[in-house]
Amino acid sequence: RPPGWKIAAVLLVGILAISFGSILVRLALRASGDQSLAFSLVMSAGRLALAALLFAPGWTRPLEGRAGLPFALAAGGFLALHFAFWITSLSYTSVAASTALVTTNPVWLTLRGGGVALLGGVLIGLGDSEGGGGANPLLGDFLALLGAVAASCYFLLGREAQRRGLSTWAYVRVAYTAAALLLLPLPYLFGGGYGGYPLEVYAYLLLMALLPQLVGHTSFNWATRHIPPVLVTLAILFEPVGASLLAYLLFGELPGSRVLLGALILLVGVALAVVGGRR
């Protein structure tokens, strides 16, 4: 196992990277002028496909640890669900609410702290329903929660894939590629496609692949190889703080007091789940 300072440093870099995820989604939504489900799926698939292409040279090497391959493929399926749910949620609810709810992974991993987290979630929902949360806040909040459940399965399966012999690089190569292949056809099923958007949309997709995906998710996947996933999700709790601050600075997006209070209570509940999970 690497020294603790190295694990902490990698997690810090990952937190900084994923904090830009929701911001880049919002920028792409503004640049495209398209709030449809099809475009949300374009962003989900595009982010993962570009990340998978960046790892493509690794396919020239033999794949070791094949016993972990089924787990990596299953993790890719849940990763696809995570992004389909979460990125779509940002079309309907605020960055603060979405990122607070999507980082409830420890609750689903341990089921401890669930009561406190549930209270926070209820307050977020009530605050969003009073306005200021987005086009359809309750739908967005629900989608973000589904994204959290899918992410929990993704982290657990990813840890098992690496325990069974896959290196971190081999694992993420398989998982990102599997997720991209699942998502790529879906925009066409909902009347969308990958062409005809302004150039800045594609620039934001590339940044999504480089920062939150390549740097952020890969950092967390590496960390789950060495420490329990529930501890990795403790670090991810800082994402809503960074993302909400960036949303305020860039978009002037300031959720209502009830949403902020709910987010705080929810994160406390999630932290309790982490402590319980460690014990």
C-alpha atoms as a PDB file:
ATOM      1  CA  ARG A   1       0.000   0.000   0.000  1.00  0.00           C
ATOM      2  CA  PRO A   2       1.351   3.488  -0.862  1.00  0.00           C
ATOM      3  CA  PRO A   3       2.053   5.925   2.004  1.00  0.00           C
ATOM      4  CA  GLY A   4      -0.907   7.857   3.377  1.00  0.00           C
ATOM      5  CA  TRP A   5       0.339  11.210   2.086  1.00  0.00           C
ATOM      6  CA  LYS A   6       0.394   9.885  -1.478  1.00  0.00           C
ATOM      7  CA  ILE A   7      -3.173   8.565  -1.248  1.00  0.00           C
ATOM      8  CA  ALA A   8      -4.308  11.911   0.247  1.00  0.00           C
ATOM      9  CA  ALA A   9      -2.554  13.859  -2.521  1.00  0.00           C
ATOM     10  CA  VAL A  10      -4.161  11.770  -5.260  1.00  0.00           C
ATOM     11  CA  LEU A  11      -7.585  12.217  -3.656  1.00  0.00           C
ATOM     12  CA  LEU A  12      -7.070  15.983  -3.423  1.00  0.00           C
ATOM     13  CA  VAL A  13      -6.241  16.184  -7.120  1.00  0.00           C
ATOM     14  CA  GLY A  14      -9.306  14.063  -7.873  1.00  0.00           C
ATOM     15  CA  ILE A  15     -11.578  16.339  -5.816  1.00  0.00           C
ATOM     16  CA  LEU A  16     -10.341  19.452  -7.603  1.00  0.00           C
ATOM     17  CA  ALA A  17     -10.882  17.770 -10.974  1.00  0.00           C
ATOM     18  CA  ILE A  18     -14.415  16.476 -10.367  1.00  0.00           C
ATOM     19  CA  SER A  19     -15.530  19.823  -8.932  1.00  0.00           C
ATOM     20  CA  PHE A  20     -15.455  21.123 -12.507  1.00  0.00           C
ATOM     21  CA  GLY A  21     -17.722  18.319 -13.789  1.00  0.00           C
ATOM     22  CA  SER A  22     -21.090  19.970 -13.135  1.00  0.00           C
ATOM     23  CA  ILE A  23     -19.730  23.361 -14.224  1.00  0.00           C
ATOM     24  CA  LEU A  24     -18.634  22.008 -17.606  1.00  0.00           C
ATOM     25  CA  VAL A  25     -22.049  20.367 -18.042  1.00  0.00           C
ATOM     26  CA  ARG A  26     -23.761  23.693 -17.356  1.00  0.00           C
ATOM     27  CA  LEU A  27     -21.453  25.500 -19.807  1.00  0.00           C
ATOM     28  CA  ALA A  28     -22.185  22.909 -22.487  1.00  0.00           C
ATOM     29  CA  LEU A  29     -25.927  23.232 -21.871  1.00  0.00           C
ATOM     30  CA  ARG A  30     -25.695  27.007 -22.279  1.00  0.00           C
ATOM     31  CA  ALA A  31     -23.557  26.792 -25.409  1.00  0.00           C
ATOM     32  CA  SER A  32     -25.891  24.290 -27.082  1.00  0.00           C
ATOM     33  CA  GLY A  33     -29.180  25.833 -25.951  1.00  0.00           C
ATOM     34  CA  ASP A  34     -30.430  22.249 -25.718  1.00  0.00           C
ATOM     35  CA  GLN A  35     -31.948  20.969 -22.441  1.00  0.00           C
ATOM     36  CA  SER A  36     -33.223  17.693 -23.924  1.00  0.00           C
ATOM     37  CA  LEU A  37     -32.566  14.179 -22.661  1.00  0.00           C
ATOM     38  CA  ALA A  38     -30.850  13.434 -25.973  1.00  0.00           C
ATOM     39  CA  PHE A  39     -28.227  16.129 -25.381  1.00  0.00           C
ATOM     40  CA  SER A  40     -27.656  14.947 -21.794  1.00  0.00           C
ATOM     41  CA  LEU A  41     -26.911  11.511 -23.238  1.00  0.00           C
ATOM     42  CA  VAL A  42     -24.610  13.112 -25.831  1.00  0.00           C
ATOM     43  CA  MET A  43     -22.607  14.678 -22.991  1.00  0.00           C
ATOM     44  CA  SER A  44     -22.540  11.421 -21.009  1.00  0.00           C
ATOM     45  CA  ALA A  45     -21.453   9.322 -23.974  1.00  0.00           C
ATOM     46  CA  GLY A  46     -19.061  11.947 -25.352  1.00  0.00           C
ATOM     47  CA  ARG A  47     -17.258  12.369 -22.046  1.00  0.00           C
ATOM     48  CA  LEU A  48     -16.724   8.629 -21.654  1.00  0.00           C
ATOM     49  CA  ALA A  49     -15.911   7.959 -25.310  1.00  0.00           C
ATOM     50  CA  LEU A  50     -13.205  10.635 -25.361  1.00  0.00           C
ATOM     51  CA  ALA A  51     -11.766   9.314 -22.090  1.00  0.00           C
ATOM     52  CA  ALA A  52     -11.759   5.780 -23.509  1.00  0.00           C
ATOM     53  CA  LEU A  53      -9.945   7.003 -26.636  1.00  0.00           C
ATOM     54  CA  LEU A  54      -7.248   8.560 -24.465  1.00  0.00           C
ATOM     55  CA  PHE A  55      -6.645   5.112 -22.960  1.00  0.00           C
ATOM     56  CA  ALA A  56      -6.855   3.318 -26.332  1.00  0.00           C
ATOM     57  CA  PRO A  57      -3.058   2.880 -26.784  1.00  0.00           C
ATOM     58  CA  GLY A  58      -3.131   0.588 -23.740  1.00  0.00           C
ATOM     59  CA  TRP A  59      -5.081  -2.046 -25.699  1.00  0.00           C
ATOM     60  CA  THR A  60      -1.858  -2.968 -27.527  1.00  0.00           C
ATOM     61  CA  ARG A  61      -0.624  -4.643 -24.319  1.00  0.00           C
ATOM     62  CA  PRO A  62      -1.951  -8.027 -23.111  1.00  0.00           C
ATOM     63  CA  LEU A  63      -4.744  -7.765 -20.555  1.00  0.00           C
ATOM     64  CA  GLU A  64      -3.667  -9.302 -17.257  1.00  0.00           C
ATOM     65  CA  GLY A  65      -5.938 -10.270 -14.378  1.00  0.00           C
ATOM     66  CA  ARG A  66      -8.751 -11.573 -16.560  1.00  0.00           C
ATOM     67  CA  ALA A  67     -10.615 -12.816 -13.493  1.00  0.00           C
ATOM     68  CA  GLY A  68     -11.482  -9.186 -12.814  1.00  0.00           C
ATOM     69  CA  LEU A  69     -12.817  -8.560 -16.317  1.00  0.00           C
ATOM     70  CA  PRO A  70     -16.517  -9.374 -15.608  1.00  0.00           C
ATOM     71  CA  PHE A  71     -16.458  -6.995 -12.648  1.00  0.00           C
ATOM     72  CA  ALA A  72     -14.894  -4.245 -14.774  1.00  0.00           C
ATOM     73  CA  LEU A  73     -17.563  -4.689 -17.458  1.00  0.00           C
ATOM     74  CA  ALA A  74     -20.334  -4.576 -14.849  1.00  0.00           C
ATOM     75  CA  ALA A  75     -18.743  -1.465 -13.319  1.00  0.00           C
ATOM     76  CA  GLY A  76     -18.830   0.128 -16.773  1.00  0.00           C
ATOM     77  CA  GLY A  77     -22.560  -0.549 -16.967  1.00  0.00           C
ATOM     78  CA  PHE A  78     -23.191   1.212 -13.657  1.00  0.00           C
ATOM     79  CA  LEU A  79     -20.875   4.059 -14.682  1.00  0.00           C
ATOM     80  CA  ALA A  80     -23.020   4.576 -17.776  1.00  0.00           C
ATOM     81  CA  LEU A  81     -26.139   4.702 -15.597  1.00  0.00           C
ATOM     82  CA  HIS A  82     -24.455   7.096 -13.171  1.00  0.00           C
ATOM     83  CA  PHE A  83     -23.682   9.658 -15.851  1.00  0.00           C
ATOM     84  CA  ALA A  84     -26.978   9.232 -17.680  1.00  0.00           C
ATOM     85  CA  PHE A  85     -28.870  10.004 -14.459  1.00  0.00           C
ATOM     86  CA  TRP A  86     -26.585  12.649 -12.966  1.00  0.00           C
ATOM     87  CA  ILE A  87     -25.822  14.728 -16.079  1.00  0.00           C
ATOM     88  CA  THR A  88     -29.528  14.757 -16.932  1.00  0.00           C
ATOM     89  CA  SER A  89     -30.301  15.965 -13.393  1.00  0.00           C
ATOM     90  CA  LEU A  90     -28.324  19.162 -14.041  1.00  0.00           C
ATOM     91  CA  SER A  91     -30.904  20.187 -16.649  1.00  0.00           C
ATOM     92  CA  TYR A  92     -33.569  20.246 -13.938  1.00  0.00           C
ATOM     93  CA  THR A  93     -32.053  21.180 -10.578  1.00  0.00           C
ATOM     94  CA  SER A  94     -29.289  23.346  -9.104  1.00  0.00           C
ATOM     95  CA  VAL A  95     -25.611  22.425  -9.012  1.00  0.00           C
ATOM     96  CA  ALA A  96     -25.660  22.509  -5.200  1.00  0.00           C
ATOM     97  CA  ALA A  97     -28.629  20.127  -4.913  1.00  0.00           C
ATOM     98  CA  SER A  98     -27.417  17.782  -7.648  1.00  0.00           C
ATOM     99  CA  THR A  99     -23.859  17.426  -6.360  1.00  0.00           C
ATOM    100  CA  ALA A 100     -24.980  17.087  -2.725  1.00  0.00           C
ATOM    101  CA  LEU A 101     -27.361  14.267  -3.611  1.00  0.00           C
ATOM    102  CA  VAL A 102     -25.075  12.473  -6.060  1.00  0.00           C
ATOM    103  CA  THR A 103     -22.324  12.251  -3.408  1.00  0.00           C
ATOM    104  CA  THR A 104     -24.495  10.256  -0.978  1.00  0.00           C
ATOM    105  CA  ASN A 105     -22.559   7.115  -1.970  1.00  0.00           C
ATOM    106  CA  PRO A 106     -21.590   6.124   1.600  1.00  0.00           C
ATOM    107  CA  VAL A 107     -25.245   5.912   2.610  1.00  0.00           C
ATOM    108  CA  TRP A 108     -25.843   3.301  -0.098  1.00  0.00           C
ATOM    109  CA  LEU A 109     -22.543   1.554   0.659  1.00  0.00           C
ATOM    110  CA  THR A 110     -23.134   1.160   4.402  1.00  0.00           C
ATOM    111  CA  LEU A 111     -26.762   2.196   5.077  1.00  0.00           C
ATOM    112  CA  ARG A 112     -25.509   3.987   8.201  1.00  0.00           C
ATOM    113  CA  GLY A 113     -26.298   7.641   8.739  1.00  0.00           C
ATOM    114  CA  GLY A 114     -29.257   7.136   6.444  1.00  0.00           C
ATOM    115  CA  GLY A 115     -31.782   8.857   8.715  1.00  0.00           C
ATOM    116  CA  VAL A 116     -29.808  12.091   8.930  1.00  0.00           C
ATOM    117  CA  ALA A 117     -29.054  12.004   5.209  1.00  0.00           C
ATOM    118  CA  LEU A 118     -32.739  11.403   4.458  1.00  0.00           C
ATOM    119  CA  LEU A 119     -33.701  14.483   6.486  1.00  0.00           C
ATOM    120  CA  GLY A 120     -31.217  16.545   4.495  1.00  0.00           C
ATOM    121  CA  GLY A 121     -32.583  15.166   1.244  1.00  0.00           C
ATOM    122  CA  VAL A 122     -36.140  16.048   2.239  1.00  0.00           C
ATOM    123  CA  LEU A 123     -35.094  19.628   3.044  1.00  0.00           C
ATOM    124  CA  ILE A 124     -33.336  19.927  -0.310  1.00  0.00           C
ATOM    125  CA  GLY A 125     -36.466  18.681  -2.070  1.00  0.00           C
ATOM    126  CA  LEU A 126     -38.737  21.056  -0.175  1.00  0.00           C
ATOM    127  CA  GLY A 127     -36.408  24.002  -0.762  1.00  0.00           C
ATOM    128  CA  ASP A 128     -36.138  23.232  -4.468  1.00  0.00           C
ATOM    129  CA  SER A 129     -39.907  22.916  -4.798  1.00  0.00           C
ATOM    130  CA  GLU A 130     -40.295  26.513  -3.598  1.00  0.00           C
ATOM    131  CA  GLY A 131     -38.335  27.785  -6.597  1.00  0.00           C
ATOM    132  CA  GLY A 132     -34.787  28.603  -7.556  1.00  0.00           C
ATOM    133  CA  GLY A 133     -33.774  25.004  -8.084  1.00  0.00           C
ATOM    134  CA  GLY A 134     -34.197  24.650 -11.849  1.00  0.00           C
ATOM    135  CA  ALA A 135     -36.793  23.647 -14.430  1.00  0.00           C
ATOM    136  CA  ASN A 136     -38.036  20.586 -12.517  1.00  0.00           C
ATOM    137  CA  PRO A 137     -36.124  20.380  -9.212  1.00  0.00           C
ATOM    138  CA  LEU A 138     -37.786  17.298  -7.751  1.00  0.00           C
ATOM    139  CA  LEU A 139     -37.131  15.305 -10.928  1.00  0.00           C
ATOM    140  CA  GLY A 140     -33.534  16.540 -10.975  1.00  0.00           C
ATOM    141  CA  ASP A 141     -33.034  15.615  -7.311  1.00  0.00           C
ATOM    142  CA  PHE A 142     -34.438  12.125  -7.909  1.00  0.00           C
ATOM    143  CA  LEU A 143     -32.155  11.597 -10.908  1.00  0.00           C
ATOM    144  CA  ALA A 144     -29.145  12.720  -8.849  1.00  0.00           C
ATOM    145  CA  LEU A 145     -30.022  10.158  -6.165  1.00  0.00           C
ATOM    146  CA  LEU A 146     -30.254   7.414  -8.790  1.00  0.00           C
ATOM    147  CA  GLY A 147     -26.840   8.548  -9.992  1.00  0.00           C
ATOM    148  CA  ALA A 148     -25.490   8.120  -6.458  1.00  0.00           C
ATOM    149  CA  VAL A 149     -26.812   4.551  -6.200  1.00  0.00           C
ATOM    150  CA  ALA A 150     -25.269   3.668  -9.574  1.00  0.00           C
ATOM    151  CA  ALA A 151     -21.943   5.237  -8.553  1.00  0.00           C
ATOM    152  CA  SER A 152     -21.888   3.154  -5.358  1.00  0.00           C
ATOM    153  CA  CYS A 153     -22.180  -0.052  -7.387  1.00  0.00           C
ATOM    154  CA  TYR A 154     -19.495   1.256  -9.756  1.00  0.00           C
ATOM    155  CA  PHE A 155     -17.012   1.838  -6.914  1.00  0.00           C
ATOM    156  CA  LEU A 156     -17.675  -1.554  -5.292  1.00  0.00           C
ATOM    157  CA  LEU A 157     -17.326  -3.456  -8.570  1.00  0.00           C
ATOM    158  CA  GLY A 158     -14.217  -1.471  -9.478  1.00  0.00           C
ATOM    159  CA  ARG A 159     -12.524  -2.396  -6.220  1.00  0.00           C
ATOM    160  CA  GLU A 160     -13.350  -6.070  -6.784  1.00  0.00           C
ATOM    161  CA  ALA A 161     -12.052  -5.956 -10.376  1.00  0.00           C
ATOM    162  CA  GLN A 162      -8.721  -4.610  -9.142  1.00  0.00           C
ATOM    163  CA  ARG A 163      -8.579  -7.092  -6.272  1.00  0.00           C
ATOM    164  CA  ARG A 164      -8.901  -9.878  -8.830  1.00  0.00           C
ATOM    165  CA  GLY A 165      -5.806  -8.829 -10.709  1.00  0.00           C
ATOM    166  CA  LEU A 166      -6.623  -5.944 -13.035  1.00  0.00           C
ATOM    167  CA  SER A 167      -4.314  -2.953 -12.717  1.00  0.00           C
ATOM    168  CA  THR A 168      -5.963   0.429 -12.245  1.00  0.00           C
ATOM    169  CA  TRP A 169      -5.113   1.414 -15.825  1.00  0.00           C
ATOM    170  CA  ALA A 170      -6.480  -1.819 -17.277  1.00  0.00           C
ATOM    171  CA  TYR A 171      -9.612  -1.530 -15.163  1.00  0.00           C
ATOM    172  CA  VAL A 172     -10.463   2.040 -16.145  1.00  0.00           C
ATOM    173  CA  ARG A 173      -9.719   1.243 -19.787  1.00  0.00           C
ATOM    174  CA  VAL A 174     -12.280  -1.572 -19.727  1.00  0.00           C
ATOM    175  CA  ALA A 175     -14.870   0.266 -17.594  1.00  0.00           C
ATOM    176  CA  TYR A 176     -14.757   3.554 -19.521  1.00  0.00           C
ATOM    177  CA  THR A 177     -14.925   1.750 -22.872  1.00  0.00           C
ATOM    178  CA  ALA A 178     -17.845  -0.450 -21.794  1.00  0.00           C
ATOM    179  CA  ALA A 179     -19.756   2.563 -20.455  1.00  0.00           C
ATOM    180  CA  ALA A 180     -19.117   4.547 -23.650  1.00  0.00           C
ATOM    181  CA  LEU A 181     -20.279   1.694 -25.887  1.00  0.00           C
ATOM    182  CA  LEU A 182     -23.510   1.394 -23.900  1.00  0.00           C
ATOM    183  CA  LEU A 183     -24.253   5.118 -24.087  1.00  0.00           C
ATOM    184  CA  LEU A 184     -23.169   5.988 -27.631  1.00  0.00           C
ATOM    185  CA  PRO A 185     -26.336   4.724 -29.432  1.00  0.00           C
ATOM    186  CA  LEU A 186     -28.802   6.209 -26.918  1.00  0.00           C
ATOM    187  CA  PRO A 187     -28.984   9.844 -28.164  1.00  0.00           C
ATOM    188  CA  TYR A 188     -30.300   8.573 -31.514  1.00  0.00           C
ATOM    189  CA  LEU A 189     -33.121   6.726 -29.743  1.00  0.00           C
ATOM    190  CA  PHE A 190     -34.312  10.055 -28.320  1.00  0.00           C
ATOM    191  CA  GLY A 191     -34.120  12.049 -31.526  1.00  0.00           C
ATOM    192  CA  GLY A 192     -30.627  13.468 -31.036  1.00  0.00           C
ATOM    193  CA  GLY A 193     -27.159  13.042 -32.502  1.00  0.00           C
ATOM    194  CA  TYR A 194     -23.564  14.122 -32.194  1.00  0.00           C
ATOM    195  CA  GLY A 195     -23.336  16.713 -34.962  1.00  0.00           C
ATOM    196  CA  GLY A 196     -24.447  20.301 -35.461  1.00  0.00           C
ATOM    197  CA  TYR A 197     -23.440  21.796 -32.095  1.00  0.00           C
ATOM    198  CA  PRO A 198     -21.241  24.896 -31.677  1.00  0.00           C
ATOM    199  CA  LEU A 199     -17.495  24.189 -31.456  1.00  0.00           C
ATOM    200  CA  GLU A 200     -17.374  25.240 -27.817  1.00  0.00           C
ATOM    201  CA  VAL A 201     -19.700  22.346 -26.931  1.00  0.00           C
ATOM    202  CA  TYR A 202     -17.097  19.883 -28.206  1.00  0.00           C
ATOM    203  CA  ALA A 203     -14.389  21.775 -26.319  1.00  0.00           C
ATOM    204  CA  TYR A 204     -16.379  21.363 -23.094  1.00  0.00           C
ATOM    205  CA  LEU A 205     -16.834  17.636 -23.819  1.00  0.00           C
ATOM    206  CA  LEU A 206     -13.076  17.268 -24.215  1.00  0.00           C
ATOM    207  CA  LEU A 207     -12.503  19.095 -20.934  1.00  0.00           C
ATOM    208  CA  MET A 208     -15.028  16.783 -19.241  1.00  0.00           C
ATOM    209  CA  ALA A 209     -13.036  13.804 -20.472  1.00  0.00           C
ATOM    210  CA  LEU A 210      -9.704  15.264 -19.373  1.00  0.00           C
ATOM    211  CA  LEU A 211     -10.510  16.806 -15.980  1.00  0.00           C
ATOM    212  CA  PRO A 212     -13.367  15.118 -14.083  1.00  0.00           C
ATOM    213  CA  GLN A 213     -13.113  11.790 -15.944  1.00  0.00           C
ATOM    214  CA  LEU A 214      -9.457  11.113 -16.745  1.00  0.00           C
ATOM    215  CA  VAL A 215      -8.005  12.876 -13.696  1.00  0.00           C
ATOM    216  CA  GLY A 216     -10.907  12.777 -11.213  1.00  0.00           C
ATOM    217  CA  HIS A 217     -12.440   9.334 -11.640  1.00  0.00           C
ATOM    218  CA  THR A 218      -9.137   7.616 -12.360  1.00  0.00           C
ATOM    219  CA  SER A 219      -7.695   9.090  -9.148  1.00  0.00           C
ATOM    220  CA  PHE A 220     -10.606   7.671  -7.141  1.00  0.00           C
ATOM    221  CA  ASN A 221     -10.366   4.291  -8.872  1.00  0.00           C
ATOM    222  CA  TRP A 222      -6.673   4.131  -8.007  1.00  0.00           C
ATOM    223  CA  ALA A 223      -7.462   5.005  -4.375  1.00  0.00           C
ATOM    224  CA  THR A 224     -10.125   2.266  -4.066  1.00  0.00           C
ATOM    225  CA  ARG A 225      -7.385  -0.227  -4.875  1.00  0.00           C
ATOM    226  CA  HIS A 226      -5.630   0.694  -1.639  1.00  0.00           C
ATOM    227  CA  ILE A 227      -8.323   1.888   0.812  1.00  0.00           C
ATOM    228  CA  PRO A 228     -12.014   0.978   1.330  1.00  0.00           C
ATOM    229  CA  PRO A 229     -14.415   2.622  -1.162  1.00  0.00           C
ATOM    230  CA  VAL A 230     -16.383   4.187   1.695  1.00  0.00           C
ATOM    231  CA  LEU A 231     -13.299   6.225   2.634  1.00  0.00           C
ATOM    232  CA  VAL A 232     -12.855   7.367  -0.955  1.00  0.00           C
ATOM    233  CA  THR A 233     -16.431   8.619  -0.919  1.00  0.00           C
ATOM    234  CA  LEU A 234     -15.594  10.666   2.172  1.00  0.00           C
ATOM    235  CA  ALA A 235     -13.195  12.674   0.016  1.00  0.00           C
ATOM    236  CA  ILE A 236     -15.885  13.055  -2.645  1.00  0.00           C
ATOM    237  CA  LEU A 237     -18.011  14.906  -0.087  1.00  0.00           C
ATOM    238  CA  PHE A 238     -15.920  17.979  -0.847  1.00  0.00           C
ATOM    239  CA  GLU A 239     -17.194  18.024  -4.441  1.00  0.00           C
ATOM    240  CA  PRO A 240     -20.492  19.812  -3.620  1.00  0.00           C
ATOM    241  CA  VAL A 241     -18.545  22.536  -1.804  1.00  0.00           C
ATOM    242  CA  GLY A 242     -16.203  23.210  -4.718  1.00  0.00           C
ATOM    243  CA  ALA A 243     -18.886  22.833  -7.379  1.00  0.00           C
ATOM    244  CA  SER A 244     -21.358  25.108  -5.569  1.00  0.00           C
ATOM    245  CA  LEU A 245     -18.696  27.780  -5.099  1.00  0.00           C
ATOM    246  CA  LEU A 246     -17.783  27.650  -8.787  1.00  0.00           C
ATOM    247  CA  ALA A 247     -21.488  27.765  -9.761  1.00  0.00           C
ATOM    248  CA  TYR A 248     -21.936  30.908  -7.673  1.00  0.00           C
ATOM    249  CA  LEU A 249     -18.830  32.596  -9.096  1.00  0.00           C
ATOM    250  CA  LEU A 250     -19.557  31.705 -12.728  1.00  0.00           C
ATOM    251  CA  PHE A 251     -23.354  31.654 -12.919  1.00  0.00           C
ATOM    252  CA  GLY A 252     -24.454  33.605  -9.841  1.00  0.00           C
ATOM    253  CA  GLU A 253     -26.360  30.464  -8.833  1.00  0.00           C
ATOM    254  CA  LEU A 254     -27.210  30.726  -5.137  1.00  0.00           C
ATOM    255  CA  PRO A 255     -29.734  28.146  -3.865  1.00  0.00           C
ATOM    256  CA  GLY A 256     -32.253  29.035  -1.168  1.00  0.00           C
ATOM    257  CA  SER A 257     -31.419  28.768   2.519  1.00  0.00           C
ATOM    258  CA  ARG A 258     -33.473  25.583   2.909  1.00  0.00           C
ATOM    259  CA  VAL A 259     -31.530  23.882   0.109  1.00  0.00           C
ATOM    260  CA  LEU A 260     -28.202  24.912   1.668  1.00  0.00           C
ATOM    261  CA  LEU A 261     -29.324  23.737   5.117  1.00  0.00           C
ATOM    262  CA  GLY A 262     -30.551  20.466   3.639  1.00  0.00           C
ATOM    263  CA  ALA A 263     -27.260  19.964   1.823  1.00  0.00           C
ATOM    264  CA  LEU A 264     -25.329  20.556   5.049  1.00  0.00           C
ATOM    265  CA  ILE A 265     -27.480  18.085   7.005  1.00  0.00           C
ATOM    266  CA  LEU A 266     -27.261  15.554   4.174  1.00  0.00           C
ATOM    267  CA  LEU A 267     -23.464  15.752   4.104  1.00  0.00           C
ATOM    268  CA  VAL A 268     -23.348  15.289   7.885  1.00  0.00           C
ATOM    269  CA  GLY A 269     -25.451  12.149   7.453  1.00  0.00           C
ATOM    270  CA  VAL A 270     -23.131  10.911   4.749  1.00  0.00           C
ATOM    271  CA  ALA A 271     -20.116  11.595   6.972  1.00  0.00           C
ATOM    272  CA  LEU A 272     -21.773   9.514   9.714  1.00  0.00           C
ATOM    273  CA  ALA A 273     -22.190   6.735   7.179  1.00  0.00           C
ATOM    274  CA  VAL A 274     -18.475   6.939   6.401  1.00  0.00           C
ATOM    275  CA  VAL A 275     -17.517   6.754  10.087  1.00  0.00           C
ATOM    276  CA  GLY A 276     -19.875   3.814  10.604  1.00  0.00           C
ATOM    277  CA  GLY A 277     -18.535   2.093   7.515  1.00  0.00           C
ATOM    278  CA  ARG A 278     -14.940   2.462   8.694  1.00  0.00           C
ATOM    279  CA  ARG A 279     -15.827   0.888  12.039  1.00  0.00           C
END
